[in-house]
Amino acid sequence: MLRRISPTVLRALPCAPLALAASLLGAGCAKPLEKATALTLADEATLVLQGTDVYGGGAGMTAQKVLFGVKWLTMSDPGPQIVANNIKAMAGFGTVRVFLGLDGRVYRFRLVAGEKGDLVPKQSPVDGITDAVAITADGVRGCAASRDDTIRCFKLADGEDPDLRQVQSEGISGIAEIAVTDHAVAVRTIPGALFVAWDAPRTIEDRGTVPKPTKIEDTGVLHLHRDPGGIAAVYGDGTVKKGRFNGQDFALETMLILQGAKEVALSTEFQCALFEKDGHLEARCAGANDGGQLGDGSTASRALYVPVLALDGVTAIAVSPTRQSAGKYVGHACALLGAGAVRCWGTGERGELGDMKDKSSPKPVVFKTP
């Protein structure tokens, strides 16, 4: 069942008496998320996956306010206009997102304004994909890899024919991750090989199949990331390379400043990464910091990586696309902790930090839910 509660009512709820809050929300006062498993960030919005539910904070996918902490997805039977349930993974940075269900179905998802102005979810399955194991998306296209190592890409635009087409991936086995960027699809296989398919000067939105991926690196790739800043590959020896399409082919550039990083999250004007320190992972960020998006307690930009304050047991990190506001570079970042808690920092005027406040913070704050 989908609950729709106006933001005004939600913010006005007192912590006492608890009976009033429980009657309206069914969950009492706001409390920190404790069992989150994944994050995805957009401009002015944050989505957090916990179990098979997705929680949101921020302006969401439209200009209207998101219902802070209210579940957007719930367990229910599939059917017309019912939100994709049993969510396994999320991807994308734009207006329309991609969700992967536990049943292998792939859904395009966005929020639309309801009759009373509240935001309600709308989803549509991508026909022809029923056994996906990995997904990726940018602002205009998504791709999914199936159990048989078939890769299919599609348009994200809601209300349009997704124009499903297949990447010529014959001979590639053991696909573990995929990532899409302009003109290219990158693939990481279980042995750690990296393949990339590119199609210049046409884009991969065009009709027809995408050329067969070419092996770029033989072994050693541990993780493949699709961020607002592009594609990044993390290697077992601590090397991090950023991939880019240069108009003719796909090139990998070693990022010396990220040497030794275990995870990376790249936006266009600021970046965050996880580094090993004293047997645990430490979150560090660098770049533009006008909105406090580096999490070091200041708004001073940094050329070198600085530790994010007050984060223990970090397991994953995500950043939003960088945007300009009043001549400044702003954005936000979030970290997933080992116990399943979520902390966010940076620009928060639209509530994207998830602490139920329309306020920025240069230090991590707790992402909450009713």
Protein backbone atom coordinates (compact mmCIF):
# COMPACT_ATOMS: atom_id res chain seq x y z
CA MET A 1 0.00 0.00 0.00
CA LEU A 2 1.30 3.46 -0.90
CA ARG A 3 0.86 6.19 1.69
CA ARG A 4 0.54 9.77 0.54
CA ILE A 5 1.01 12.43 3.24
CA SER A 6 1.57 16.09 2.57
CA PRO A 7 5.04 17.42 3.48
CA THR A 8 3.45 20.04 5.73
CA VAL A 9 1.63 17.45 7.83
CA LEU A 10 4.70 15.23 7.95
CA ARG A 11 6.97 17.93 9.28
CA ALA A 12 4.43 19.10 11.83
CA LEU A 13 4.18 15.71 13.50
CA PRO A 14 5.34 15.92 17.12
CA CYS A 15 7.29 13.16 18.83
CA ALA A 16 4.60 13.25 21.51
CA PRO A 17 2.03 12.03 21.78
CA LEU A 18 3.32 8.99 19.88
CA ALA A 19 -0.22 7.80 19.27
CA LEU A 20 -0.91 10.72 16.94
CA ALA A 21 2.21 10.08 14.87
CA ALA A 22 1.50 6.37 14.75
CA SER A 23 -2.04 6.95 13.59
CA LEU A 24 -0.87 9.12 10.69
CA LEU A 25 2.34 7.35 9.71
CA GLY A 26 1.99 3.93 11.25
CA ALA A 27 5.57 4.20 12.47
CA GLY A 28 5.85 6.72 15.31
CA CYS A 29 8.64 9.33 15.30
CA ALA A 30 11.34 9.57 12.66
CA LYS A 31 14.28 7.27 13.26
CA PRO A 32 17.54 6.51 11.46
CA LEU A 33 17.61 3.86 8.76
CA GLU A 34 19.36 0.81 10.17
CA LYS A 35 19.46 -1.83 7.43
CA ALA A 36 20.09 0.08 4.20
CA THR A 37 21.92 -1.79 1.43
CA ALA A 38 22.31 0.65 -1.49
CA LEU A 39 22.35 4.34 -2.42
CA THR A 40 21.73 6.36 -5.57
CA LEU A 41 21.86 10.17 -5.73
CA ALA A 42 20.46 12.70 -8.18
CA ASP A 43 20.46 16.47 -8.40
CA GLU A 44 18.59 17.51 -5.22
CA ALA A 45 17.43 13.97 -4.39
CA THR A 46 18.53 10.81 -2.58
CA LEU A 47 17.18 7.27 -2.85
CA VAL A 48 18.07 4.62 -0.28
CA LEU A 49 17.31 0.92 -0.62
CA GLN A 50 16.49 -0.96 2.60
CA GLY A 51 15.25 -4.50 2.27
CA THR A 52 12.83 -4.32 -0.67
CA ASP A 53 11.69 -0.76 0.05
CA VAL A 54 13.06 2.52 -1.29
CA TYR A 55 13.13 5.63 0.87
CA GLY A 56 13.58 9.12 -0.53
CA GLY A 57 14.66 12.58 0.51
CA GLY A 58 14.88 15.80 -1.48
CA ALA A 59 13.09 17.39 -4.41
CA GLY A 60 12.78 14.07 -6.21
CA MET A 61 12.31 13.77 -9.95
CA THR A 62 10.01 16.79 -10.33
CA ALA A 63 10.05 20.37 -9.06
CA GLN A 64 7.76 19.45 -6.17
CA LYS A 65 8.75 18.34 -2.69
CA VAL A 66 9.38 14.68 -1.92
CA LEU A 67 7.59 13.13 1.05
CA PHE A 68 10.48 12.85 3.46
CA GLY A 69 11.03 9.35 4.75
CA VAL A 70 7.76 7.97 3.37
CA LYS A 71 8.10 4.67 1.51
CA TRP A 72 7.85 5.05 -2.24
CA LEU A 73 7.88 1.30 -2.85
CA THR A 74 6.14 -1.42 -0.87
CA MET A 75 5.67 -5.17 -1.17
CA SER A 76 2.67 -5.82 -3.40
CA ASP A 77 1.56 -7.94 -6.33
CA PRO A 78 2.69 -6.79 -9.79
CA GLY A 79 0.08 -5.06 -11.90
CA PRO A 80 -0.70 -1.95 -13.95
CA GLN A 81 0.56 1.26 -12.32
CA ILE A 82 1.81 -0.67 -9.27
CA VAL A 83 5.29 0.33 -8.25
CA ALA A 84 8.05 -2.16 -9.04
CA ASN A 85 8.42 -4.38 -5.99
CA ASN A 86 11.12 -6.65 -4.59
CA ILE A 87 13.84 -4.22 -5.67
CA LYS A 88 17.39 -5.58 -5.95
CA ALA A 89 19.28 -2.61 -7.40
CA MET A 90 18.87 0.99 -8.59
CA ALA A 91 20.67 3.00 -11.26
CA GLY A 92 20.54 6.36 -13.02
CA PHE A 93 21.04 10.06 -12.35
CA GLY A 94 18.27 11.80 -14.26
CA THR A 95 14.51 12.24 -14.21
CA VAL A 96 13.79 8.57 -14.94
CA ARG A 97 15.57 5.84 -12.96
CA VAL A 98 16.09 2.13 -13.54
CA PHE A 99 15.16 -0.50 -10.94
CA LEU A 100 16.09 -4.19 -11.06
CA GLY A 101 13.58 -6.54 -9.43
CA LEU A 102 14.45 -9.77 -7.66
CA ASP A 103 12.46 -11.49 -10.40
CA GLY A 104 14.90 -10.27 -13.08
CA ARG A 105 12.51 -7.66 -14.50
CA VAL A 106 13.75 -4.15 -15.23
CA TYR A 107 11.56 -1.09 -14.60
CA ARG A 108 11.73 2.55 -15.64
CA PHE A 109 10.66 4.63 -12.65
CA ARG A 110 9.78 8.27 -11.99
CA LEU A 111 7.63 10.38 -9.70
CA VAL A 112 4.58 12.27 -10.93
CA ALA A 113 2.30 14.79 -9.25
CA GLY A 114 -0.91 13.32 -7.84
CA GLU A 115 -4.34 14.91 -7.58
CA LYS A 116 -3.49 16.70 -4.33
CA GLY A 117 0.01 17.73 -5.34
CA ASP A 118 1.76 14.89 -3.53
CA LEU A 119 4.32 12.93 -5.49
CA VAL A 120 3.38 9.40 -6.42
CA PRO A 121 5.51 6.74 -8.12
CA LYS A 122 4.96 5.55 -11.65
CA GLN A 123 6.80 2.63 -13.19
CA SER A 124 6.78 0.68 -16.42
CA PRO A 125 8.55 -2.62 -17.13
CA VAL A 126 10.95 -2.79 -20.04
CA ASP A 127 9.49 -5.51 -22.26
CA GLY A 128 11.93 -8.15 -23.40
CA ILE A 129 14.05 -8.19 -20.22
CA THR A 130 13.03 -10.89 -17.76
CA ASP A 131 16.25 -12.36 -16.33
CA ALA A 132 18.55 -9.39 -15.66
CA VAL A 133 21.37 -9.68 -13.11
CA ALA A 134 22.97 -6.22 -13.50
CA ILE A 135 21.78 -2.77 -14.60
CA THR A 136 23.26 0.62 -15.41
CA ALA A 137 21.89 3.99 -16.53
CA ASP A 138 22.81 7.59 -17.14
CA GLY A 139 20.43 10.44 -17.86
CA VAL A 140 19.03 9.20 -21.17
CA ARG A 141 19.62 5.44 -21.51
CA GLY A 142 19.77 2.25 -19.49
CA CYS A 143 21.30 -1.19 -20.06
CA ALA A 144 20.77 -4.61 -18.46
CA ALA A 145 22.85 -7.79 -18.50
CA SER A 146 20.99 -11.12 -18.37
CA ARG A 147 21.98 -14.46 -16.90
CA ASP A 148 23.03 -15.69 -20.34
CA ASP A 149 25.42 -12.67 -20.64
CA THR A 150 23.17 -10.90 -23.14
CA ILE A 151 23.27 -7.10 -22.86
CA ARG A 152 20.29 -4.99 -23.93
CA CYS A 153 20.07 -1.19 -23.87
CA PHE A 154 16.98 1.04 -23.98
CA LYS A 155 15.83 4.64 -23.84
CA LEU A 156 14.75 6.00 -20.47
CA ALA A 157 12.29 8.65 -21.65
CA ASP A 158 8.98 7.91 -19.96
CA GLY A 159 6.04 7.43 -22.28
CA GLU A 160 8.20 6.56 -25.27
CA ASP A 161 9.05 3.26 -26.90
CA PRO A 162 12.21 2.18 -25.05
CA ASP A 163 13.68 1.01 -28.39
CA LEU A 164 15.27 -2.11 -26.94
CA ARG A 165 18.44 -3.17 -28.74
CA GLN A 166 21.15 -5.73 -28.08
CA VAL A 167 24.88 -5.31 -27.58
CA GLN A 168 26.83 -7.89 -29.59
CA SER A 169 28.35 -9.62 -26.57
CA GLU A 170 28.90 -13.10 -28.00
CA GLY A 171 31.99 -14.74 -26.56
CA ILE A 172 31.88 -12.74 -23.32
CA SER A 173 30.93 -14.79 -20.27
CA GLY A 174 30.58 -14.15 -16.57
CA ILE A 175 29.32 -10.56 -16.73
CA ALA A 176 29.37 -9.07 -13.24
CA GLU A 177 28.89 -5.34 -13.83
CA ILE A 178 27.99 -2.97 -16.66
CA ALA A 179 28.25 0.80 -17.00
CA VAL A 180 26.98 3.13 -19.71
CA THR A 181 28.21 6.55 -20.76
CA ASP A 182 28.08 8.66 -23.95
CA HIS A 183 28.68 6.43 -26.97
CA ALA A 184 29.94 3.49 -24.91
CA VAL A 185 28.97 0.49 -22.76
CA ALA A 186 31.59 -0.95 -20.39
CA VAL A 187 31.50 -4.52 -19.06
CA ARG A 188 33.38 -6.19 -16.20
CA THR A 189 33.52 -9.97 -16.13
CA ILE A 190 34.01 -12.15 -13.04
CA PRO A 191 37.69 -12.91 -13.87
CA GLY A 192 38.32 -9.15 -13.75
CA ALA A 193 38.50 -8.40 -17.49
CA LEU A 194 37.19 -5.11 -18.85
CA PHE A 195 35.40 -4.87 -22.20
CA VAL A 196 34.02 -1.72 -23.84
CA ALA A 197 31.71 -1.29 -26.84
CA TRP A 198 31.61 2.11 -28.52
CA ASP A 199 29.77 3.36 -31.56
CA ALA A 200 31.04 6.60 -33.07
CA PRO A 201 29.91 8.91 -34.46
CA ARG A 202 26.41 7.56 -33.75
CA THR A 203 25.21 7.28 -30.17
CA ILE A 204 24.05 4.04 -28.59
CA GLU A 205 20.53 5.48 -28.57
CA ASP A 206 20.27 4.78 -32.29
CA ARG A 207 18.34 1.81 -33.61
CA GLY A 208 20.03 -1.51 -34.23
CA THR A 209 22.64 -3.40 -32.27
CA VAL A 210 25.73 -1.97 -30.64
CA PRO A 211 29.11 -3.33 -31.86
CA LYS A 212 30.73 -6.16 -29.93
CA PRO A 213 32.79 -4.96 -26.94
CA THR A 214 36.57 -4.93 -27.30
CA LYS A 215 38.79 -6.14 -24.46
CA ILE A 216 40.50 -3.09 -22.94
CA GLU A 217 42.17 -4.64 -19.89
CA ASP A 218 42.85 -8.34 -19.32
CA THR A 219 42.65 -8.86 -15.55
CA GLY A 220 42.58 -7.16 -12.19
CA VAL A 221 39.41 -5.04 -12.36
CA LEU A 222 37.55 -5.35 -9.05
CA HIS A 223 34.79 -2.78 -9.49
CA LEU A 224 33.24 -0.78 -12.32
CA HIS A 225 31.48 2.45 -11.45
CA ARG A 226 29.06 4.68 -13.34
CA ASP A 227 28.95 8.10 -11.72
CA PRO A 228 27.85 11.59 -12.79
CA GLY A 229 31.52 12.14 -13.67
CA GLY A 230 31.76 9.13 -15.99
CA ILE A 231 33.03 5.55 -15.80
CA ALA A 232 35.76 4.52 -13.37
CA ALA A 233 37.48 1.15 -12.94
CA VAL A 234 39.06 0.11 -9.62
CA TYR A 235 41.83 -2.50 -9.79
CA GLY A 236 43.08 -5.02 -7.25
CA ASP A 237 46.48 -3.31 -6.98
CA GLY A 238 44.85 -0.02 -5.92
CA THR A 239 44.96 1.64 -9.33
CA VAL A 240 41.95 3.69 -10.39
CA LYS A 241 41.35 4.56 -14.04
CA LYS A 242 38.72 6.84 -15.51
CA GLY A 243 37.27 5.88 -18.89
CA ARG A 244 36.31 8.37 -21.55
CA PHE A 245 35.26 8.35 -25.18
CA ASN A 246 37.56 10.70 -27.14
CA GLY A 247 35.53 10.85 -30.36
CA GLN A 248 37.20 7.87 -32.02
CA ASP A 249 37.80 5.24 -29.35
CA PHE A 250 37.55 4.58 -25.63
CA ALA A 251 40.57 5.47 -23.47
CA LEU A 252 41.47 4.76 -19.84
CA GLU A 253 43.36 7.40 -17.88
CA THR A 254 45.09 6.53 -14.58
CA MET A 255 44.04 8.87 -11.76
CA LEU A 256 47.17 9.14 -9.63
CA ILE A 257 45.39 11.12 -6.92
CA LEU A 258 43.12 8.10 -6.36
CA GLN A 259 45.92 5.54 -6.08
CA GLY A 260 44.94 3.00 -3.43
CA ALA A 261 41.21 3.79 -3.42
CA LYS A 262 38.87 0.85 -2.81
CA GLU A 263 35.70 2.59 -4.02
CA VAL A 264 35.19 5.82 -5.96
CA ALA A 265 32.32 8.23 -6.64
CA LEU A 266 33.01 10.90 -9.23
CA SER A 267 31.03 14.03 -10.02
CA THR A 268 32.18 16.70 -12.44
CA GLU A 269 33.48 19.20 -9.85
CA PHE A 270 33.97 17.07 -6.72
CA GLN A 271 34.83 13.46 -5.97
CA CYS A 272 34.75 11.08 -3.01
CA ALA A 273 36.51 7.77 -2.44
CA LEU A 274 37.12 5.10 0.19
CA PHE A 275 40.70 4.42 1.29
CA GLU A 276 41.95 1.76 3.67
CA LYS A 277 43.34 3.08 6.97
CA ASP A 278 44.19 1.06 10.08
CA GLY A 279 42.20 -1.94 8.89
CA HIS A 280 39.02 -0.05 7.98
CA LEU A 281 37.75 2.16 5.14
CA GLU A 282 37.94 5.94 5.46
CA ALA A 283 35.85 8.28 3.29
CA ARG A 284 37.72 11.19 1.71
CA CYS A 285 36.58 13.87 -0.73
CA ALA A 286 38.20 16.55 -2.90
CA GLY A 287 37.23 19.32 -5.30
CA ALA A 288 34.61 22.07 -5.17
CA ASN A 289 33.09 22.55 -1.72
CA ASP A 290 30.77 25.57 -1.99
CA GLY A 291 27.86 23.57 -0.55
CA GLY A 292 29.86 21.57 2.00
CA GLN A 293 29.86 18.52 -0.29
CA LEU A 294 33.32 17.38 0.87
CA GLY A 295 32.02 16.72 4.39
CA ASP A 296 35.07 18.11 6.20
CA GLY A 297 33.12 20.70 8.17
CA SER A 298 34.04 23.61 5.88
CA THR A 299 33.07 25.17 2.56
CA ALA A 300 36.65 25.54 1.35
CA SER A 301 37.51 23.71 -1.88
CA ARG A 302 40.33 21.14 -1.69
CA ALA A 303 42.83 20.04 -4.33
CA LEU A 304 43.80 16.99 -2.24
CA TYR A 305 41.49 14.47 -0.59
CA VAL A 306 40.42 15.26 2.98
CA PRO A 307 38.65 12.88 5.41
CA VAL A 308 34.89 13.17 5.85
CA LEU A 309 34.13 13.91 9.50
CA ALA A 310 32.57 11.44 11.96
CA LEU A 311 32.14 8.40 9.72
CA ASP A 312 32.90 4.94 11.08
CA GLY A 313 32.51 1.64 9.26
CA VAL A 314 31.89 3.04 5.78
CA THR A 315 31.18 0.41 3.11
CA ALA A 316 29.93 2.48 0.14
CA ILE A 317 29.77 6.09 -0.99
CA ALA A 318 27.78 8.02 -3.61
CA VAL A 319 27.74 11.57 -4.95
CA SER A 320 25.18 13.68 -6.81
CA PRO A 321 25.81 15.49 -10.10
CA THR A 322 27.49 18.86 -9.60
CA ARG A 323 25.29 21.85 -10.41
CA GLN A 324 25.68 25.62 -10.25
CA SER A 325 23.60 27.77 -7.93
CA ALA A 326 24.19 31.51 -7.52
CA GLY A 327 27.56 31.09 -9.20
CA LYS A 328 28.67 28.30 -6.88
CA TYR A 329 29.26 24.60 -7.44
CA VAL A 330 26.92 22.61 -5.19
CA GLY A 331 25.89 19.01 -4.64
CA HIS A 332 25.70 16.39 -1.92
CA ALA A 333 27.14 13.02 -0.99
CA CYS A 334 26.02 10.05 1.11
CA ALA A 335 27.79 7.11 2.75
CA LEU A 336 26.48 3.67 3.65
CA LEU A 337 27.80 2.29 6.92
CA GLY A 338 28.43 -1.37 7.64
CA ALA A 339 25.50 -1.65 10.02
CA GLY A 340 23.12 -0.31 7.36
CA ALA A 341 22.93 3.32 8.51
CA VAL A 342 23.16 6.22 6.03
CA ARG A 343 24.89 9.57 6.49
CA CYS A 344 24.65 12.50 4.03
CA TRP A 345 26.30 15.91 3.73
CA GLY A 346 26.47 18.92 1.42
CA THR A 347 23.70 20.97 -0.18
CA GLY A 348 20.36 20.25 1.49
CA GLU A 349 17.94 23.12 0.85
CA ARG A 350 15.47 20.72 -0.78
CA GLY A 351 15.77 18.10 1.96
CA GLU A 352 18.07 15.81 -0.02
CA LEU A 353 20.19 14.96 3.03
CA GLY A 354 17.27 12.95 4.41
CA ASP A 355 17.33 14.44 7.92
CA MET A 356 13.89 16.04 7.40
CA LYS A 357 15.37 19.55 7.28
CA ASP A 358 15.71 21.97 4.39
CA LYS A 359 19.25 22.84 5.38
CA SER A 360 22.75 22.21 4.06
CA SER A 361 25.41 20.64 6.25
CA PRO A 362 29.21 20.48 5.75
CA LYS A 363 29.22 17.55 8.20
CA PRO A 364 27.43 14.17 7.84
CA VAL A 365 23.84 14.02 9.18
CA VAL A 366 21.61 11.02 9.81
CA PHE A 367 19.21 9.89 7.06
CA LYS A 368 15.90 9.16 8.77
CA THR A 369 12.57 7.52 8.09
CA PRO A 370 9.29 7.27 10.02
